[in-house]
Amino acid sequence: MYWQEVRPGTAGHPDGSPAVLLEVLPYWSCRIDIMIMRITAFFVLLFGCTLLSAQKIVPYAERDTGAVNMAIYYPEKPLAGNPCVVYLFGGGFIGGSYLDSMSVDYCRKMADAGFIAVAPDYRLGLKGVEIKSFGVSIVPKIERAIHFAVEDCADAVSYLLRHSSELGINSERIMLAGSSAGAITALQTDYFHCNAHELTSCLPDDFRFAGVMAYAGAIFSREGRVDYRRHAPAPTMMFHGTEDRIVTYRSITFGSLGFFGANALVKRFAKYRYPYYLRRYKGQGHVVAMLGNSTVDDALWFYSHFVVKAERLFVDEMYEDEAMKPIVGYATLGDLYHEK
């Protein structure tokens, strides 16, 4: 069952007129996929699955460890405007791959829907790092991992911009998407670019992401609440379980340090009237990070209304379904990082 809300006082257009949803989203499209995926989701998310092939693999950056690659998938029937979705894989910054089955399946489905889909590899900043506790001492390790991923994501997008003509990509229609650690990376990259952070300095000042789609993501801040100071964020679609204990749905703060999930972010978006679409999964945990492959129709709707038509919509939904059992969704950070 769904509850859908367009919040009074925050929804609508700058002239005060209400925002109106023009279509009914395919709400039940993910139900069967959820029942199938929930048993294997935790293991796929953490460690990836069988490596599959992409249509094209190119190096986009050079690091001390060698070349960093991206996989590119082209549609047989591209959407008008040649949009591109850059998908960041999940894995807690300790595992996962741009060529694991979840990444490949998502990119292929997005390509089938008409997008040029790109899956960049990125450095795993917590791989091999010993984590003994989850207090303030973990913050520098998490921050370092996020910074590695953001830097690589920004370099990947910079490569796409520099080679947009030969790749057939519309530089004004580049969207970010990601699951779990990848969702954090997507949200954080847009946040840093909006605030002229040095890690995204490779991106042109006048470049704007066309949209962001985050499956169980959050933003890290050293300056208290999330503020977009230089320019507004991209239209953002967020999917998050209300009981997520790996990537917080709410917020975790230590003084000026904070980690802000979808529930906290949407309050900021609503206050400053940044277009957003939030789907909350009542009682669910981190399994929501696995729903990318079953929400392609939602991505198309988001692209059509928020990007192509540039509609200023402010949508907040609550999803509840007894068939969606939160078995793997209640995993904790201790489970993820093998707390002793």
Protein backbone atom coordinates (compact mmCIF):
# COMPACT_ATOMS: atom_id res chain seq x y z
CA MET A 1 0.00 0.00 0.00
CA TYR A 2 1.19 3.53 -0.75
CA TRP A 3 0.60 6.89 0.75
CA GLN A 4 1.51 9.83 -1.44
CA GLU A 5 1.82 13.37 -0.20
CA VAL A 6 2.53 16.69 -1.83
CA ARG A 7 3.29 18.72 1.25
CA PRO A 8 1.32 21.94 1.73
CA GLY A 9 3.56 24.93 2.18
CA THR A 10 6.50 23.29 0.46
CA ALA A 11 5.04 21.90 -2.72
CA GLY A 12 4.33 23.76 -5.88
CA HIS A 13 5.84 26.38 -8.11
CA PRO A 14 7.48 29.68 -7.18
CA ASP A 15 4.21 31.49 -7.90
CA GLY A 16 2.48 29.44 -5.21
CA SER A 17 0.48 27.18 -7.52
CA PRO A 18 0.38 23.53 -6.38
CA ALA A 19 2.57 20.87 -7.92
CA VAL A 20 0.54 18.24 -9.73
CA LEU A 21 1.67 14.73 -10.58
CA LEU A 22 0.70 14.10 -14.19
CA GLU A 23 0.89 10.31 -14.13
CA VAL A 24 0.43 7.40 -11.76
CA LEU A 25 3.76 5.76 -11.07
CA PRO A 26 4.02 1.98 -11.54
CA TYR A 27 4.02 1.31 -7.81
CA TRP A 28 3.69 -2.46 -7.89
CA SER A 29 6.49 -2.99 -10.39
CA CYS A 30 9.04 -3.72 -7.69
CA ARG A 31 7.04 -6.14 -5.52
CA ILE A 32 7.98 -9.42 -7.19
CA ASP A 33 11.60 -8.32 -7.62
CA ILE A 34 11.81 -7.52 -3.91
CA MET A 35 10.61 -10.97 -2.88
CA ILE A 36 13.22 -12.61 -5.12
CA MET A 37 16.10 -10.31 -4.22
CA ARG A 38 15.70 -10.03 -0.46
CA ILE A 39 17.33 -13.43 0.23
CA THR A 40 20.50 -12.68 -1.78
CA ALA A 41 20.56 -8.89 -1.54
CA PHE A 42 22.93 -8.57 1.40
CA PHE A 43 25.63 -10.71 -0.19
CA VAL A 44 25.36 -9.09 -3.60
CA LEU A 45 25.53 -5.63 -2.04
CA LEU A 46 28.64 -6.36 -0.04
CA PHE A 47 30.68 -8.57 -2.30
CA GLY A 48 29.25 -8.40 -5.81
CA CYS A 49 28.43 -11.38 -8.02
CA THR A 50 29.58 -12.88 -11.27
CA LEU A 51 31.47 -10.40 -13.42
CA LEU A 52 29.79 -9.74 -16.74
CA SER A 53 30.82 -7.86 -19.86
CA ALA A 54 29.94 -4.31 -20.89
CA GLN A 55 29.68 -2.96 -24.40
CA LYS A 56 32.71 -0.73 -24.02
CA ILE A 57 35.34 -0.30 -21.31
CA VAL A 58 37.60 2.76 -21.31
CA PRO A 59 40.13 4.16 -18.81
CA TYR A 60 39.08 7.57 -17.51
CA ALA A 61 41.78 8.37 -14.94
CA GLU A 62 45.18 7.29 -13.71
CA ARG A 63 45.94 6.65 -10.05
CA ASP A 64 48.94 5.28 -8.13
CA THR A 65 47.32 1.85 -8.40
CA GLY A 66 46.96 2.15 -12.19
CA ALA A 67 44.20 3.04 -14.63
CA VAL A 68 40.62 3.47 -13.42
CA ASN A 69 38.04 2.25 -15.93
CA MET A 70 34.42 2.82 -16.79
CA ALA A 71 31.94 0.61 -18.60
CA ILE A 72 29.64 2.20 -21.20
CA TYR A 73 26.36 0.74 -22.45
CA TYR A 74 24.60 2.17 -25.49
CA PRO A 75 20.86 1.96 -26.19
CA GLU A 76 19.50 0.57 -29.43
CA LYS A 77 16.80 3.24 -29.33
CA PRO A 78 18.15 6.29 -27.49
CA LEU A 79 15.83 8.74 -25.82
CA ALA A 80 15.55 12.19 -27.36
CA GLY A 81 18.39 14.37 -26.11
CA ASN A 82 20.85 11.48 -25.62
CA PRO A 83 20.71 11.44 -21.80
CA CYS A 84 23.37 9.66 -19.78
CA VAL A 85 23.08 7.94 -16.39
CA VAL A 86 26.30 7.45 -14.41
CA TYR A 87 25.74 4.57 -11.97
CA LEU A 88 27.92 4.10 -8.87
CA PHE A 89 27.95 0.57 -7.43
CA GLY A 90 27.42 -0.25 -3.77
CA GLY A 91 29.51 -2.28 -1.36
CA GLY A 92 30.22 -0.25 1.78
CA PHE A 93 33.44 1.16 0.24
CA ILE A 94 35.00 -2.26 0.91
CA GLY A 95 33.64 -4.32 -1.99
CA GLY A 96 31.50 -4.35 -5.09
CA SER A 97 32.52 -3.74 -8.67
CA TYR A 98 31.49 -1.71 -11.68
CA LEU A 99 31.27 -5.06 -13.48
CA ASP A 100 29.32 -7.04 -10.90
CA SER A 101 25.94 -8.43 -11.88
CA MET A 102 23.92 -5.74 -10.14
CA SER A 103 25.79 -2.92 -11.90
CA VAL A 104 25.64 -4.63 -15.29
CA ASP A 105 21.94 -5.47 -14.95
CA TYR A 106 21.05 -1.92 -13.92
CA CYS A 107 23.05 -0.38 -16.76
CA ARG A 108 21.60 -2.77 -19.32
CA LYS A 109 18.06 -2.00 -18.18
CA MET A 110 18.72 1.74 -18.33
CA ALA A 111 20.20 1.30 -21.82
CA ASP A 112 17.12 -0.71 -22.83
CA ALA A 113 15.07 2.27 -21.61
CA GLY A 114 17.02 4.60 -23.90
CA PHE A 115 19.77 6.01 -21.67
CA ILE A 116 23.49 5.85 -22.32
CA ALA A 117 24.52 4.08 -19.11
CA VAL A 118 27.99 4.49 -17.63
CA ALA A 119 29.38 2.55 -14.66
CA PRO A 120 32.72 3.90 -13.42
CA ASP A 121 34.99 1.94 -11.18
CA TYR A 122 36.17 3.83 -8.09
CA ARG A 123 38.69 3.28 -5.32
CA LEU A 124 37.45 1.44 -2.22
CA GLY A 125 38.75 3.54 0.65
CA LEU A 126 37.72 1.13 3.43
CA LYS A 127 38.99 -2.05 1.82
CA GLY A 128 41.48 -3.63 4.20
CA VAL A 129 40.97 -0.91 6.82
CA GLU A 130 40.59 -2.15 10.39
CA ILE A 131 37.46 -0.83 12.10
CA LYS A 132 37.10 -1.58 15.80
CA SER A 133 34.36 0.83 16.83
CA PHE A 134 31.69 3.08 15.34
CA GLY A 135 32.17 6.25 17.36
CA VAL A 136 33.88 9.49 16.31
CA SER A 137 37.09 7.56 15.58
CA ILE A 138 35.55 6.06 12.45
CA VAL A 139 34.76 9.46 10.91
CA PRO A 140 38.18 10.12 9.27
CA LYS A 141 38.12 6.62 7.72
CA ILE A 142 34.61 7.05 6.33
CA GLU A 143 35.40 10.56 5.11
CA ARG A 144 38.55 9.36 3.35
CA ALA A 145 36.60 6.62 1.57
CA ILE A 146 33.89 9.06 0.48
CA HIS A 147 36.52 11.49 -0.80
CA PHE A 148 38.21 8.79 -2.88
CA ALA A 149 34.88 7.82 -4.44
CA VAL A 150 33.80 11.42 -5.09
CA GLU A 151 37.12 12.31 -6.69
CA ASP A 152 36.86 9.31 -9.00
CA CYS A 153 33.21 10.04 -9.81
CA ALA A 154 34.02 13.65 -10.68
CA ASP A 155 36.93 12.54 -12.88
CA ALA A 156 34.65 10.06 -14.65
CA VAL A 157 32.09 12.80 -15.39
CA SER A 158 34.89 15.13 -16.48
CA TYR A 159 36.00 12.47 -18.96
CA LEU A 160 32.45 12.19 -20.31
CA LEU A 161 32.26 15.96 -20.74
CA ARG A 162 35.60 16.15 -22.56
CA HIS A 163 34.63 13.29 -24.87
CA SER A 164 30.90 13.97 -25.11
CA SER A 165 30.91 14.39 -28.89
CA GLU A 166 32.64 11.11 -29.69
CA LEU A 167 30.61 9.27 -27.04
CA GLY A 168 27.33 10.77 -28.23
CA ILE A 169 26.44 12.14 -24.80
CA ASN A 170 24.45 15.31 -24.18
CA SER A 171 26.52 17.17 -21.57
CA GLU A 172 23.37 18.89 -20.27
CA ARG A 173 21.62 15.58 -19.57
CA ILE A 174 24.10 13.75 -17.33
CA MET A 175 22.48 12.19 -14.26
CA LEU A 176 24.06 10.43 -11.28
CA ALA A 177 22.64 7.26 -9.73
CA GLY A 178 23.91 4.91 -7.08
CA SER A 179 23.16 2.23 -4.51
CA SER A 180 24.33 2.34 -0.88
CA ALA A 181 27.97 3.54 -0.99
CA GLY A 182 27.29 4.49 -4.61
CA ALA A 183 24.25 6.52 -3.53
CA ILE A 184 26.39 8.31 -0.96
CA THR A 185 28.92 9.03 -3.69
CA ALA A 186 26.26 10.36 -6.08
CA LEU A 187 24.68 12.68 -3.50
CA GLN A 188 28.05 13.80 -2.14
CA THR A 189 29.44 14.55 -5.61
CA ASP A 190 26.53 16.85 -6.43
CA TYR A 191 26.79 18.43 -2.95
CA PHE A 192 30.52 19.11 -3.32
CA HIS A 193 30.07 20.50 -6.82
CA CYS A 194 27.34 22.84 -5.56
CA ASN A 195 29.79 24.13 -2.96
CA ALA A 196 32.89 24.40 -5.19
CA HIS A 197 34.79 21.70 -3.28
CA GLU A 198 38.30 20.97 -4.50
CA LEU A 199 37.46 17.31 -5.13
CA THR A 200 35.05 18.31 -7.90
CA SER A 201 37.18 21.14 -9.29
CA CYS A 202 37.73 19.14 -12.48
CA LEU A 203 34.11 19.89 -13.40
CA PRO A 204 33.39 23.18 -15.21
CA ASP A 205 31.90 25.93 -13.04
CA ASP A 206 28.86 26.19 -15.28
CA PHE A 207 28.21 22.44 -15.37
CA ARG A 208 25.11 21.14 -13.60
CA PHE A 209 24.02 17.57 -13.06
CA ALA A 210 20.63 17.00 -14.67
CA GLY A 211 19.46 14.80 -11.80
CA VAL A 212 20.45 12.44 -9.00
CA MET A 213 18.84 9.09 -8.11
CA ALA A 214 19.92 7.65 -4.76
CA TYR A 215 19.02 4.22 -3.41
CA ALA A 216 19.74 4.37 0.34
CA GLY A 217 22.19 7.26 0.29
CA ALA A 218 23.29 10.09 2.57
CA ILE A 219 25.56 13.14 2.68
CA PHE A 220 28.50 13.70 5.03
CA SER A 221 29.09 17.22 6.31
CA ARG A 222 31.73 18.82 8.52
CA GLU A 223 29.74 22.04 8.72
CA GLY A 224 26.55 20.96 10.41
CA ARG A 225 23.38 20.78 8.37
CA VAL A 226 23.61 20.33 4.62
CA ASP A 227 23.72 23.66 2.78
CA TYR A 228 24.05 24.18 -0.97
CA ARG A 229 25.85 27.51 -1.01
CA ARG A 230 27.03 28.18 -4.56
CA HIS A 231 24.04 26.86 -6.49
CA ALA A 232 20.99 24.62 -5.99
CA PRO A 233 21.29 20.83 -6.12
CA ALA A 234 20.12 18.80 -9.08
CA PRO A 235 16.55 17.49 -8.94
CA THR A 236 16.90 14.48 -6.67
CA MET A 237 15.02 11.19 -6.37
CA MET A 238 15.63 9.26 -3.14
CA PHE A 239 14.59 5.76 -2.09
CA HIS A 240 15.20 4.86 1.57
CA GLY A 241 14.03 2.37 4.20
CA THR A 242 12.84 3.97 7.43
CA GLU A 243 14.75 1.38 9.49
CA ASP A 244 18.02 1.44 7.59
CA ARG A 245 20.84 0.80 10.07
CA ILE A 246 23.73 0.85 7.61
CA VAL A 247 23.15 4.15 5.82
CA THR A 248 21.02 6.20 8.17
CA TYR A 249 17.56 7.25 7.02
CA ARG A 250 17.63 10.07 9.57
CA SER A 251 20.85 11.75 10.71
CA ILE A 252 23.85 11.06 12.91
CA THR A 253 25.70 14.06 14.33
CA PHE A 254 28.80 14.69 16.45
CA GLY A 255 28.99 18.44 16.99
CA SER A 256 29.46 19.99 13.54
CA LEU A 257 30.03 16.55 11.97
CA GLY A 258 26.98 14.94 10.46
CA PHE A 259 25.74 12.15 8.23
CA PHE A 260 22.36 13.02 6.76
CA GLY A 261 20.01 10.46 5.21
CA ALA A 262 16.90 10.95 3.09
CA ASN A 263 14.61 12.02 5.94
CA ALA A 264 17.01 14.80 6.93
CA LEU A 265 17.85 15.82 3.37
CA VAL A 266 14.24 16.17 2.25
CA LYS A 267 13.63 18.67 5.04
CA ARG A 268 16.38 20.88 3.62
CA PHE A 269 15.10 20.40 0.07
CA ALA A 270 11.57 21.31 1.16
CA LYS A 271 12.72 24.37 3.11
CA TYR A 272 14.62 25.82 0.14
CA ARG A 273 12.17 24.52 -2.48
CA TYR A 274 14.65 22.30 -4.31
CA PRO A 275 12.75 19.80 -6.49
CA TYR A 276 12.74 16.33 -4.94
CA TYR A 277 11.03 12.97 -5.01
CA LEU A 278 11.29 10.84 -1.86
CA ARG A 279 9.93 7.31 -1.57
CA ARG A 280 10.06 6.05 2.00
CA TYR A 281 9.81 2.29 2.59
CA LYS A 282 8.10 1.89 5.95
CA GLY A 283 9.79 -0.59 8.27
CA GLN A 284 12.43 -1.56 5.71
CA GLY A 285 16.18 -1.47 6.09
CA HIS A 286 19.11 -1.44 3.71
CA VAL A 287 17.46 -3.85 1.26
CA VAL A 288 16.06 -0.73 -0.44
CA ALA A 289 19.55 -0.16 -1.85
CA MET A 290 18.86 -3.15 -4.10
CA LEU A 291 15.78 -1.74 -5.84
CA GLY A 292 17.44 0.02 -8.77
CA ASN A 293 16.74 -2.75 -11.24
CA SER A 294 13.02 -2.73 -10.41
CA THR A 295 12.54 1.04 -10.62
CA VAL A 296 13.56 1.80 -14.19
CA ASP A 297 10.04 3.00 -14.98
CA ASP A 298 10.29 5.39 -12.04
CA ALA A 299 13.62 6.65 -13.37
CA LEU A 300 11.99 7.31 -16.75
CA TRP A 301 9.15 9.21 -15.09
CA PHE A 302 11.63 11.22 -13.02
CA TYR A 303 13.68 12.03 -16.11
CA SER A 304 10.61 13.06 -18.12
CA HIS A 305 9.10 15.35 -15.50
CA PHE A 306 12.04 16.64 -13.46
CA VAL A 307 14.66 16.88 -16.22
CA VAL A 308 13.05 17.19 -19.64
CA LYS A 309 9.99 19.19 -18.57
CA ALA A 310 11.86 20.85 -15.67
CA GLU A 311 8.77 20.66 -13.49
CA ARG A 312 9.24 21.91 -9.95
CA LEU A 313 7.69 18.96 -8.13
CA PHE A 314 8.00 18.19 -4.42
CA VAL A 315 6.85 14.63 -3.85
CA ASP A 316 6.89 12.60 -0.65
CA GLU A 317 5.59 8.99 -0.63
CA MET A 318 5.33 6.29 2.00
CA TYR A 319 5.37 2.69 0.77
CA GLU A 320 4.24 -0.21 2.93
CA ASP A 321 3.76 -3.80 1.86
CA GLU A 322 3.56 -6.82 4.13
CA ALA A 323 4.99 -8.98 1.36
CA MET A 324 8.21 -6.99 1.52
CA LYS A 325 9.82 -8.70 4.51
CA PRO A 326 12.71 -6.81 6.14
CA ILE A 327 14.84 -9.93 6.62
CA VAL A 328 18.17 -8.68 5.25
CA GLY A 329 17.28 -5.02 5.66
CA TYR A 330 18.05 -4.92 9.38
CA ALA A 331 21.77 -5.53 9.00
CA THR A 332 23.97 -3.19 11.04
CA LEU A 333 27.32 -1.53 10.51
CA GLY A 334 28.78 -4.17 12.81
CA ASP A 335 27.61 -6.87 10.39
CA LEU A 336 28.98 -4.94 7.42
CA TYR A 337 32.43 -4.32 8.84
CA HIS A 338 32.68 -7.54 10.88
CA GLU A 339 32.71 -5.91 14.28
CA LYS A 340 34.31 -8.19 16.87
